[in-house]
Amino acid sequence: MPFVFCIYAYQGLVAGFALTALPNHHAGLGASAGDVAWHAVVVGLPWVLQPAWGPVVDRFGDFRMGRRRFWAVLALAGSVAMLLLLLAVDDAPGALGRASPVLAAHSAFAALLDTAVDGMIIDRVPPENLGRANACTRGGFVSGTAAGAALLAFVLPAHGLPTEAPPSAQGLHAAAVLLAAAGVLATALVVLVREEPTDAWFSLRRRPPPSGAAGAGQAPRRLLRRFLAPMLRRQALALVAFCLAVEGAVAVVQLRTGLDLIQERNWDAAALSRLQAGLGLLGGTLGAFAVGWWSDRLGALRGLSAILLLSAAAHAAVGLLLAGGVDAAAPLAAGMASALPVLIFVALAPAVMRASRGPGAATRFALFMAALNLGGVGGNALAGALGEGLPLWAPVLAAGCVFAGCAAVARRPRLLFRRAVAGAAPP
């Protein structure tokens, strides 16, 4: 569990920088809703394509250093290289788009890392402990996100490296060096923790395939068809739509509340990043571990409907306050967007992992994760298309309606799952 926590903390550290500190910094420099939304879409797009890594990790897992660990080390090496490329990027006002492609390339390697580590969890963690394992993943990710958002929001505008780079780039370069150093530490951890006692510490060689092994001699197309067949069932398609709806609603509220607080209500960008980091940390640690414990003890989906109903009620209340002219409700909307999504994920992920077990586990779970990521990308694109003209209360109320509908679906687990339904509460 500590290994999982640390790896996801590193991923969260970069995410807090790329999706909170850097956009808030540029919003304070005058970036428009379209600019910030486009940055979020570009950085998030490789996560939508994450399922492409699944067949690679599942099919080519015969390395002497471990079935999944080789891919995790490769992904971390690539992510560190991309972070160092930020040293060639300027950070002047209006230049957010210059960092976006580099961070998108980092996201591609981060998606490979996520696929490999999720495969380790599915392979190694007993089903009765998946709730706590997912609490570790979310707790680590959110802790890293909080640190990345708060620390690097402080670094970006005020502190830089003693280089010849223009002052506008020094804060960005300092952040890049800090993140790359964290990536090196994460790589060392993956190298030192083996999946099996017989695995090599480090080797690029592959094991000979065992005689009669599953999948031996099968064409890649046939293997891919066997891996993806469960995803074509009605329940799996319904789950994908469920993930799209939840994450899309969250993304719209997150982007719109951040821009509104900075550009319309004159909040300091660094102060907003610290608020989002603190609330996200609270939800991702105490909240995530509480929900994870609940999932392991009382059923994989028992708390999901309750959390969604709570989210729906909270968004409805805040949306009505905003519509009534209560400006003090705007920070509440930002707080909900920071704290509640992780609780929804921790309640949902154990059931998804149970449904993903078997051959091609990494592929199938990556497809579910891609649905969440596509929802986030779509939500950001929608928020950018709507622009600043739409009053803040409208997307907040709309998100409440989406959560209410998803809560109703979650009360009927058979609509979403086949194998995982045994761990769910009765409707």
Protein backbone atom coordinates (compact mmCIF):
# COMPACT_ATOMS: atom_id res chain seq x y z
CA MET A 1 0.00 0.00 0.00
CA PRO A 2 2.76 2.59 0.71
CA PHE A 3 4.21 1.85 -2.74
CA VAL A 4 0.86 2.57 -4.40
CA PHE A 5 0.38 5.73 -2.33
CA CYS A 6 3.79 7.13 -3.33
CA ILE A 7 3.41 6.42 -7.06
CA TYR A 8 0.02 8.09 -7.18
CA ALA A 9 1.30 10.99 -5.07
CA TYR A 10 3.87 11.68 -7.80
CA GLN A 11 1.16 11.59 -10.48
CA GLY A 12 -0.94 13.95 -8.39
CA LEU A 13 1.97 16.33 -7.93
CA VAL A 14 2.21 16.86 -11.69
CA ALA A 15 -1.59 17.03 -12.04
CA GLY A 16 -1.84 19.70 -9.34
CA PHE A 17 0.69 21.77 -11.26
CA ALA A 18 -0.65 21.16 -14.77
CA LEU A 19 -4.38 21.42 -14.08
CA THR A 20 -4.63 23.74 -11.07
CA ALA A 21 -1.57 25.90 -10.35
CA LEU A 22 -0.59 26.67 -13.96
CA PRO A 23 -4.15 27.43 -15.25
CA ASN A 24 -4.92 29.55 -12.17
CA HIS A 25 -1.62 31.40 -12.67
CA HIS A 26 -2.50 32.21 -16.28
CA ALA A 27 -6.09 33.08 -15.37
CA GLY A 28 -4.58 35.70 -13.09
CA LEU A 29 -2.54 36.93 -16.07
CA GLY A 30 -5.73 37.39 -18.09
CA ALA A 31 -6.17 34.05 -19.89
CA SER A 32 -9.72 33.57 -21.20
CA ALA A 33 -12.07 30.70 -20.44
CA GLY A 34 -11.36 29.33 -23.90
CA ASP A 35 -7.58 29.41 -23.32
CA VAL A 36 -7.83 27.62 -19.98
CA ALA A 37 -10.35 25.10 -21.31
CA TRP A 38 -8.19 24.34 -24.36
CA HIS A 39 -5.18 23.76 -22.10
CA ALA A 40 -7.20 21.32 -19.98
CA VAL A 41 -8.45 19.52 -23.08
CA VAL A 42 -4.97 19.17 -24.60
CA VAL A 43 -3.40 17.94 -21.35
CA GLY A 44 -6.28 15.55 -20.67
CA LEU A 45 -6.63 14.09 -24.17
CA PRO A 46 -3.89 11.42 -23.78
CA TRP A 47 -5.79 10.06 -20.80
CA VAL A 48 -8.79 9.47 -23.05
CA LEU A 49 -6.51 7.34 -25.23
CA GLN A 50 -5.28 5.38 -22.20
CA PRO A 51 -6.98 2.11 -23.34
CA ALA A 52 -4.42 1.91 -26.14
CA TRP A 53 -1.84 1.08 -23.48
CA GLY A 54 -3.93 -1.73 -22.01
CA PRO A 55 -3.33 -4.38 -24.70
CA VAL A 56 0.37 -3.47 -24.75
CA VAL A 57 0.76 -3.95 -21.00
CA ASP A 58 -1.37 -7.12 -20.98
CA ARG A 59 0.12 -8.74 -24.07
CA PHE A 60 3.80 -7.90 -23.56
CA GLY A 61 4.21 -8.68 -19.88
CA ASP A 62 6.93 -11.33 -20.01
CA PHE A 63 9.88 -9.19 -18.93
CA ARG A 64 12.30 -10.59 -16.38
CA MET A 65 11.89 -7.54 -14.15
CA GLY A 66 8.15 -8.10 -13.75
CA ARG A 67 4.95 -8.34 -15.74
CA ARG A 68 3.95 -4.71 -15.13
CA ARG A 69 7.06 -3.15 -13.58
CA PHE A 70 8.98 -2.82 -16.86
CA TRP A 71 6.21 -0.62 -18.24
CA ALA A 72 6.06 1.44 -15.05
CA VAL A 73 9.79 2.19 -15.23
CA LEU A 74 9.57 3.06 -18.93
CA ALA A 75 6.63 5.38 -18.26
CA LEU A 76 8.42 7.18 -15.44
CA ALA A 77 11.54 7.68 -17.53
CA GLY A 78 9.45 9.22 -20.30
CA SER A 79 7.54 11.45 -17.90
CA VAL A 80 10.75 12.84 -16.38
CA ALA A 81 12.09 13.59 -19.87
CA MET A 82 8.91 15.51 -20.74
CA LEU A 83 9.09 17.56 -17.55
CA LEU A 84 12.65 18.56 -18.37
CA LEU A 85 11.41 19.79 -21.77
CA LEU A 86 9.53 22.52 -19.88
CA LEU A 87 12.93 24.16 -19.38
CA ALA A 88 12.67 25.22 -23.03
CA VAL A 89 9.24 26.86 -22.57
CA ASP A 90 8.58 30.53 -21.79
CA ASP A 91 5.81 31.52 -19.39
CA ALA A 92 4.82 35.01 -20.49
CA PRO A 93 1.20 36.20 -20.38
CA GLY A 94 -0.77 34.53 -23.14
CA ALA A 95 1.73 31.66 -23.40
CA LEU A 96 -0.25 28.93 -21.64
CA GLY A 97 -0.57 27.10 -24.95
CA ARG A 98 3.22 26.69 -25.18
CA ALA A 99 3.30 24.41 -22.14
CA SER A 100 0.19 22.45 -23.14
CA PRO A 101 1.79 20.12 -25.77
CA VAL A 102 4.69 19.27 -23.46
CA LEU A 103 2.34 18.45 -20.60
CA ALA A 104 0.18 16.44 -23.02
CA ALA A 105 3.22 14.31 -23.89
CA HIS A 106 3.79 13.84 -20.16
CA SER A 107 0.15 12.75 -19.83
CA ALA A 108 0.73 10.00 -22.40
CA PHE A 109 3.51 8.51 -20.27
CA ALA A 110 1.49 9.06 -17.09
CA ALA A 111 -1.40 7.11 -18.64
CA LEU A 112 0.99 4.20 -19.32
CA LEU A 113 2.19 4.35 -15.70
CA ASP A 114 -1.40 4.37 -14.46
CA THR A 115 -2.29 1.36 -16.63
CA ALA A 116 0.71 -0.63 -15.38
CA VAL A 117 0.12 0.13 -11.69
CA ASP A 118 -3.62 -0.53 -11.95
CA GLY A 119 -2.72 -3.90 -13.47
CA MET A 120 -0.49 -4.63 -10.48
CA ILE A 121 -3.33 -3.80 -8.10
CA ILE A 122 -5.86 -5.97 -9.91
CA ASP A 123 -3.38 -8.86 -10.09
CA ARG A 124 -2.04 -8.68 -6.53
CA VAL A 125 -4.67 -7.21 -4.19
CA PRO A 126 -7.39 -9.55 -2.83
CA PRO A 127 -10.93 -8.46 -3.75
CA GLU A 128 -11.83 -7.81 -0.11
CA ASN A 129 -9.04 -5.20 0.11
CA LEU A 130 -9.73 -3.32 -3.12
CA GLY A 131 -11.57 -0.53 -1.31
CA ARG A 132 -8.54 0.30 0.81
CA ALA A 133 -6.22 -0.10 -2.17
CA ASN A 134 -8.26 2.43 -4.14
CA ALA A 135 -8.34 4.71 -1.12
CA CYS A 136 -4.52 4.57 -1.24
CA THR A 137 -4.51 5.45 -4.93
CA ARG A 138 -6.89 8.38 -4.47
CA GLY A 139 -5.31 9.44 -1.18
CA GLY A 140 -1.88 9.48 -2.80
CA PHE A 141 -3.10 11.23 -5.92
CA VAL A 142 -5.04 13.89 -4.04
CA SER A 143 -2.22 14.46 -1.55
CA GLY A 144 0.14 14.96 -4.46
CA THR A 145 -2.37 17.19 -6.23
CA ALA A 146 -2.72 19.33 -3.12
CA ALA A 147 1.04 19.64 -2.78
CA GLY A 148 1.46 20.42 -6.47
CA ALA A 149 -1.31 23.00 -6.50
CA ALA A 150 -0.25 24.78 -3.30
CA LEU A 151 3.55 24.59 -3.53
CA LEU A 152 3.88 25.28 -7.24
CA ALA A 153 1.28 28.07 -7.12
CA PHE A 154 3.76 29.72 -4.74
CA VAL A 155 6.75 28.93 -6.99
CA LEU A 156 5.27 30.05 -10.33
CA PRO A 157 4.85 33.81 -9.79
CA ALA A 158 7.59 34.53 -7.28
CA HIS A 159 10.52 32.14 -7.40
CA GLY A 160 12.80 30.88 -10.12
CA LEU A 161 16.14 29.36 -10.94
CA PRO A 162 19.28 31.52 -11.11
CA THR A 163 19.51 31.19 -14.89
CA GLU A 164 19.62 33.51 -17.87
CA ALA A 165 15.98 32.74 -18.66
CA PRO A 166 13.63 35.74 -18.71
CA PRO A 167 11.85 36.39 -15.40
CA SER A 168 8.56 35.24 -16.91
CA ALA A 169 9.99 31.73 -17.37
CA GLN A 170 12.01 31.27 -14.18
CA GLY A 171 9.08 30.19 -12.01
CA LEU A 172 7.98 27.63 -14.60
CA HIS A 173 11.53 26.29 -14.88
CA ALA A 174 11.86 25.95 -11.11
CA ALA A 175 8.59 24.00 -11.04
CA ALA A 176 9.81 21.74 -13.84
CA VAL A 177 13.02 20.89 -11.96
CA LEU A 178 11.11 20.12 -8.76
CA LEU A 179 8.68 17.84 -10.60
CA ALA A 180 11.46 16.06 -12.49
CA ALA A 181 13.28 15.41 -9.20
CA ALA A 182 10.10 13.88 -7.79
CA GLY A 183 9.85 11.71 -10.90
CA VAL A 184 13.40 10.42 -10.38
CA LEU A 185 12.52 9.43 -6.80
CA ALA A 186 9.38 7.63 -8.01
CA THR A 187 11.44 5.76 -10.61
CA ALA A 188 13.90 4.61 -7.95
CA LEU A 189 10.99 3.33 -5.86
CA VAL A 190 9.57 1.28 -8.73
CA VAL A 191 13.00 -0.20 -9.47
CA LEU A 192 13.43 -1.23 -5.83
CA VAL A 193 9.98 -2.83 -5.33
CA ARG A 194 9.58 -6.13 -7.20
CA GLU A 195 6.29 -7.76 -8.12
CA GLU A 196 7.63 -11.25 -7.37
CA PRO A 197 10.67 -12.34 -5.32
CA THR A 198 12.09 -14.04 -8.43
CA ASP A 199 11.91 -10.91 -10.61
CA ALA A 200 15.14 -9.24 -11.67
CA TRP A 201 15.85 -5.87 -10.10
CA PHE A 202 16.39 -4.40 -13.55
CA SER A 203 16.49 -6.18 -16.89
CA LEU A 204 15.34 -5.48 -20.42
CA ARG A 205 15.32 -9.18 -21.29
CA ARG A 206 12.14 -11.19 -21.64
CA ARG A 207 11.20 -14.55 -20.20
CA PRO A 208 10.58 -17.48 -22.55
CA PRO A 209 6.82 -18.15 -22.83
CA PRO A 210 5.67 -21.15 -20.75
CA SER A 211 4.30 -24.07 -22.72
CA GLY A 212 0.53 -23.97 -23.00
CA ALA A 213 0.34 -20.44 -21.66
CA ALA A 214 -2.92 -18.60 -22.18
CA GLY A 215 -2.71 -16.51 -25.31
CA ALA A 216 0.39 -18.28 -26.67
CA GLY A 217 0.33 -18.33 -30.44
CA GLN A 218 -2.83 -16.25 -30.70
CA ALA A 219 -2.94 -13.34 -33.09
CA PRO A 220 -2.99 -9.89 -31.45
CA ARG A 221 -6.40 -9.18 -33.01
CA ARG A 222 -7.87 -12.34 -31.48
CA LEU A 223 -6.38 -11.52 -28.09
CA LEU A 224 -7.73 -7.97 -28.24
CA ARG A 225 -11.18 -9.30 -29.14
CA ARG A 226 -11.10 -11.66 -26.15
CA PHE A 227 -9.96 -8.88 -23.83
CA LEU A 228 -12.60 -6.40 -24.99
CA ALA A 229 -15.60 -8.72 -25.32
CA PRO A 230 -16.83 -7.97 -21.76
CA MET A 231 -16.83 -4.24 -22.60
CA LEU A 232 -19.52 -4.74 -25.23
CA ARG A 233 -22.11 -5.96 -22.73
CA ARG A 234 -25.02 -3.73 -21.86
CA GLN A 235 -23.84 -3.21 -18.27
CA ALA A 236 -20.36 -2.16 -19.37
CA LEU A 237 -21.71 0.39 -21.85
CA ALA A 238 -24.04 1.75 -19.18
CA LEU A 239 -21.10 2.09 -16.80
CA VAL A 240 -19.12 4.02 -19.41
CA ALA A 241 -22.05 6.43 -19.86
CA PHE A 242 -22.31 6.74 -16.06
CA CYS A 243 -18.61 7.67 -15.80
CA LEU A 244 -18.89 10.18 -18.64
CA ALA A 245 -21.82 11.94 -16.98
CA VAL A 246 -20.29 12.16 -13.50
CA GLU A 247 -16.84 13.35 -14.55
CA GLY A 248 -18.21 15.74 -17.18
CA ALA A 249 -20.41 17.48 -14.62
CA VAL A 250 -17.49 17.79 -12.21
CA ALA A 251 -15.18 19.25 -14.88
CA VAL A 252 -17.64 21.95 -15.94
CA VAL A 253 -18.10 23.16 -12.36
CA GLN A 254 -14.36 23.04 -11.59
CA LEU A 255 -13.35 25.16 -14.57
CA ARG A 256 -16.17 27.69 -14.34
CA THR A 257 -15.86 28.28 -10.58
CA GLY A 258 -12.10 28.79 -10.81
CA LEU A 259 -12.38 31.36 -13.58
CA ASP A 260 -15.29 33.12 -11.89
CA LEU A 261 -13.47 33.50 -8.58
CA ILE A 262 -10.27 34.85 -10.17
CA GLN A 263 -11.62 37.06 -12.95
CA GLU A 264 -15.04 38.15 -11.66
CA ARG A 265 -14.58 38.14 -7.87
CA ASN A 266 -10.90 39.18 -7.83
CA TRP A 267 -9.52 36.21 -5.94
CA ASP A 268 -5.75 35.75 -5.92
CA ALA A 269 -4.79 32.78 -8.14
CA ALA A 270 -2.36 31.34 -5.59
CA ALA A 271 -4.94 31.67 -2.80
CA LEU A 272 -7.51 29.79 -4.88
CA SER A 273 -4.98 27.05 -5.64
CA ARG A 274 -4.29 26.66 -1.92
CA LEU A 275 -8.02 26.48 -1.15
CA GLN A 276 -8.57 23.85 -3.83
CA ALA A 277 -5.53 21.93 -2.61
CA GLY A 278 -6.64 21.95 1.02
CA LEU A 279 -10.19 20.84 0.31
CA GLY A 280 -9.02 18.23 -2.17
CA LEU A 281 -6.55 16.91 0.40
CA LEU A 282 -9.28 16.64 3.02
CA GLY A 283 -11.57 14.74 0.68
CA GLY A 284 -8.78 12.57 -0.69
CA THR A 285 -7.37 11.48 2.67
CA LEU A 286 -9.93 11.34 5.47
CA GLY A 287 -12.87 11.10 3.09
CA ALA A 288 -11.28 8.60 0.71
CA PHE A 289 -10.07 6.25 3.44
CA ALA A 290 -13.47 6.38 5.17
CA VAL A 291 -15.27 5.51 1.93
CA GLY A 292 -12.67 2.84 1.12
CA TRP A 293 -13.15 1.22 4.54
CA TRP A 294 -16.91 1.35 4.03
CA SER A 295 -16.60 -0.28 0.61
CA ASP A 296 -14.55 -3.18 2.00
CA ARG A 297 -16.83 -3.75 4.98
CA LEU A 298 -20.34 -3.13 3.68
CA GLY A 299 -20.27 -3.60 -0.09
CA ALA A 300 -18.66 -2.04 -3.11
CA LEU A 301 -21.57 0.26 -4.06
CA ARG A 302 -23.46 0.85 -0.81
CA GLY A 303 -22.13 4.37 -0.34
CA LEU A 304 -22.07 5.46 -3.97
CA SER A 305 -25.75 6.37 -4.20
CA ALA A 306 -25.59 8.26 -0.89
CA ILE A 307 -22.53 10.26 -1.99
CA LEU A 308 -24.16 11.13 -5.31
CA LEU A 309 -27.35 12.23 -3.56
CA LEU A 310 -25.29 14.37 -1.19
CA SER A 311 -23.51 15.91 -4.18
CA ALA A 312 -26.81 16.57 -5.93
CA ALA A 313 -28.32 18.25 -2.87
CA ALA A 314 -25.22 20.37 -2.23
CA HIS A 315 -24.98 21.55 -5.84
CA ALA A 316 -28.69 22.35 -5.94
CA ALA A 317 -28.45 24.39 -2.73
CA VAL A 318 -25.37 26.32 -3.85
CA GLY A 319 -26.81 26.89 -7.33
CA LEU A 320 -29.99 28.37 -5.85
CA LEU A 321 -27.95 30.62 -3.55
CA LEU A 322 -25.92 31.87 -6.51
CA ALA A 323 -29.08 32.45 -8.53
CA GLY A 324 -30.40 34.49 -5.61
CA GLY A 325 -27.35 36.75 -5.66
CA VAL A 326 -25.49 35.28 -2.66
CA ASP A 327 -21.89 35.76 -3.85
CA ALA A 328 -20.48 34.01 -0.78
CA ALA A 329 -21.72 30.72 -2.24
CA ALA A 330 -19.16 30.80 -5.08
CA PRO A 331 -16.27 29.49 -2.91
CA LEU A 332 -18.61 26.70 -1.76
CA ALA A 333 -19.04 25.62 -5.38
CA ALA A 334 -15.25 25.56 -5.83
CA GLY A 335 -14.90 23.57 -2.63
CA MET A 336 -17.43 20.96 -3.71
CA ALA A 337 -15.71 20.57 -7.06
CA SER A 338 -12.43 19.90 -5.23
CA ALA A 339 -13.59 17.52 -2.48
CA LEU A 340 -16.50 15.43 -3.76
CA PRO A 341 -15.15 13.79 -6.96
CA VAL A 342 -12.59 11.67 -5.13
CA LEU A 343 -15.28 10.24 -2.85
CA ILE A 344 -17.35 9.21 -5.86
CA PHE A 345 -14.32 7.56 -7.45
CA VAL A 346 -13.34 5.60 -4.33
CA ALA A 347 -16.90 4.28 -4.01
CA LEU A 348 -17.04 3.23 -7.66
CA ALA A 349 -13.52 1.93 -8.42
CA PRO A 350 -13.53 -1.30 -6.31
CA ALA A 351 -16.59 -2.60 -8.14
CA VAL A 352 -15.03 -1.69 -11.48
CA MET A 353 -11.84 -3.54 -10.55
CA ARG A 354 -13.80 -6.63 -9.56
CA ALA A 355 -15.57 -6.53 -12.90
CA SER A 356 -12.20 -6.18 -14.67
CA ARG A 357 -10.49 -9.27 -13.21
CA GLY A 358 -9.23 -11.98 -15.52
CA PRO A 359 -7.27 -11.93 -18.80
CA GLY A 360 -6.81 -8.40 -20.08
CA ALA A 361 -7.54 -6.81 -16.70
CA ALA A 362 -5.38 -3.76 -17.41
CA THR A 363 -7.10 -3.24 -20.77
CA ARG A 364 -10.62 -3.37 -19.38
CA PHE A 365 -9.92 -1.18 -16.37
CA ALA A 366 -8.13 1.32 -18.61
CA LEU A 367 -11.31 1.57 -20.69
CA PHE A 368 -13.34 2.46 -17.62
CA MET A 369 -10.73 5.04 -16.62
CA ALA A 370 -10.77 6.45 -20.14
CA ALA A 371 -14.50 7.02 -19.79
CA LEU A 372 -13.85 9.13 -16.70
CA ASN A 373 -11.08 11.03 -18.44
CA LEU A 374 -13.19 11.58 -21.56
CA GLY A 375 -15.91 12.99 -19.33
CA GLY A 376 -13.40 15.42 -17.86
CA VAL A 377 -12.10 16.48 -21.27
CA GLY A 378 -15.63 16.87 -22.59
CA GLY A 379 -16.65 18.89 -19.55
CA ASN A 380 -13.70 21.24 -19.97
CA ALA A 381 -14.45 21.66 -23.67
CA LEU A 382 -18.10 22.41 -22.88
CA ALA A 383 -17.14 24.96 -20.24
CA GLY A 384 -14.83 26.67 -22.73
CA ALA A 385 -17.50 26.71 -25.43
CA LEU A 386 -20.03 28.26 -23.06
CA GLY A 387 -17.52 30.98 -22.16
CA GLU A 388 -17.92 33.52 -19.38
CA GLY A 389 -21.37 34.69 -20.49
CA LEU A 390 -23.28 31.89 -18.74
CA PRO A 391 -24.04 32.72 -15.08
CA LEU A 392 -22.23 30.49 -12.59
CA TRP A 393 -25.40 29.15 -11.04
CA ALA A 394 -26.47 27.45 -14.29
CA PRO A 395 -23.66 24.84 -14.55
CA VAL A 396 -23.80 24.26 -10.79
CA LEU A 397 -27.53 23.46 -10.91
CA ALA A 398 -27.07 21.34 -14.04
CA ALA A 399 -24.37 19.31 -12.28
CA GLY A 400 -26.77 18.72 -9.38
CA CYS A 401 -29.33 17.28 -11.79
CA VAL A 402 -26.70 14.97 -13.32
CA PHE A 403 -25.65 13.69 -9.89
CA ALA A 404 -29.28 13.06 -8.94
CA GLY A 405 -29.84 10.99 -12.07
CA CYS A 406 -26.64 9.00 -11.49
CA ALA A 407 -27.67 8.36 -7.88
CA ALA A 408 -30.90 6.80 -9.12
CA VAL A 409 -28.92 4.54 -11.46
CA ALA A 410 -26.48 3.57 -8.70
CA ARG A 411 -29.37 2.29 -6.58
CA ARG A 412 -29.84 -0.44 -9.21
CA PRO A 413 -26.36 -2.02 -9.44
CA ARG A 414 -27.46 -4.63 -11.97
CA LEU A 415 -27.72 -1.84 -14.53
CA LEU A 416 -23.96 -1.32 -14.25
CA PHE A 417 -22.34 -4.60 -13.16
CA ARG A 418 -22.57 -8.34 -13.49
CA ARG A 419 -19.80 -9.86 -11.39
CA ALA A 420 -19.39 -6.93 -8.99
CA VAL A 421 -23.06 -6.79 -8.04
CA ALA A 422 -22.55 -9.32 -5.26
CA GLY A 423 -20.64 -6.69 -3.32
CA ALA A 424 -23.28 -4.03 -3.75
CA ALA A 425 -26.09 -3.08 -1.51
CA PRO A 426 -29.58 -4.16 -2.48
CA PRO A 427 -31.59 -1.42 -4.16
